[in-house]
């Protein structure tokens, strides 16, 4: 019997009671589940242990405004890095929109709210998230198939030929094998390390999210369920995209098979991505692909502007489009996504 997925959970943060009530009613009628808070501080308290599918948030609120809530979630909840965040605002100046997107907002809805547009925006953002997760799942399925049947013997050494960092874990979460890329990342210890045989993120909050993802994934593998969980591991100036997936062992040699795999995107300076591949995968313009490629090599927006001979405002506009087309929230998440999966192919 197929598992029935519950409707998406939309978290609405709004301090105007009448507007909050109307938004919740519209979302309920559209079939969504909802959770509500009257300000950013209340939202943080309610979000403990809860993972919404989308956040719809006012900007101007008492105690903690929308920008403060967004910053807190990005810092304290790395597991929500891919969750769409849509601002409700009375501000409609282009510069305000650009600044908000660069801070991590996915979209804006201007008050007074037009509910058909609100529902269309929510639907589009959720569909975009599904597409990105589907792309990641396809990549993981291919990697899972390649890893199926690997034991602690020689075939695992083939993983050393892959630029993506791969760590295989046993039923207890201990490292069975780490390929060359993963060992190099662990030795550098900018994002994660291997301590007493277990992978650990350098940042405490990221480590908590990583440990929980590994625990949940191992439970799924033990139950014979395929599961993939994404985690963003942050360093001093960059972030690294990590995916944990279950590897359901066969009954024949369950004891020797890995139960989970941790996939880590290589550091930005390790490779140059194909601009044509970016265009094909994300429907980018050639200029957007050049901007994205430059960002993955560690260039700052001001440096990209100088290289392309345009203003920083123009680069900010292109970055806004990149965030929207890739469904990411921040520049660091954009880079991590581009460097993950098929983007691990180096080009000359």
Foldseek 3Di string as FASTA:
>chain_A
DDDDDAAFEEEEEAQPVVLVVVLCVLCVVVRHHYHYHDALVRVVVVCVVNAGQAYEAEADHPPAGPLRSLVCCVVQPQLCQLRAYEYEYQDDDPVVQLVQLQSFHQYYAHPPGDSVVVVVVVVVLSVLSVVLVVVVVVLVVVVLVVQAPDFLDDVVQVCLVFLKWKFFAALVQFTSDTHPNVQVCQVVLQFWHQDPRHIAGPDPSQRVVVVVLQVVQSVCLVVVHWDKGWGWTDGDPAIKIKIKIARNHDPPPNVGGGGIMIIIQGQLCPAFFDLVVVCVPQVDDSLLSQLLRCVSNPDDLVRSCVVVVHDSVVSSVSVSVLCNSNSGGHSRVSSNSCRDRPRSDHDD
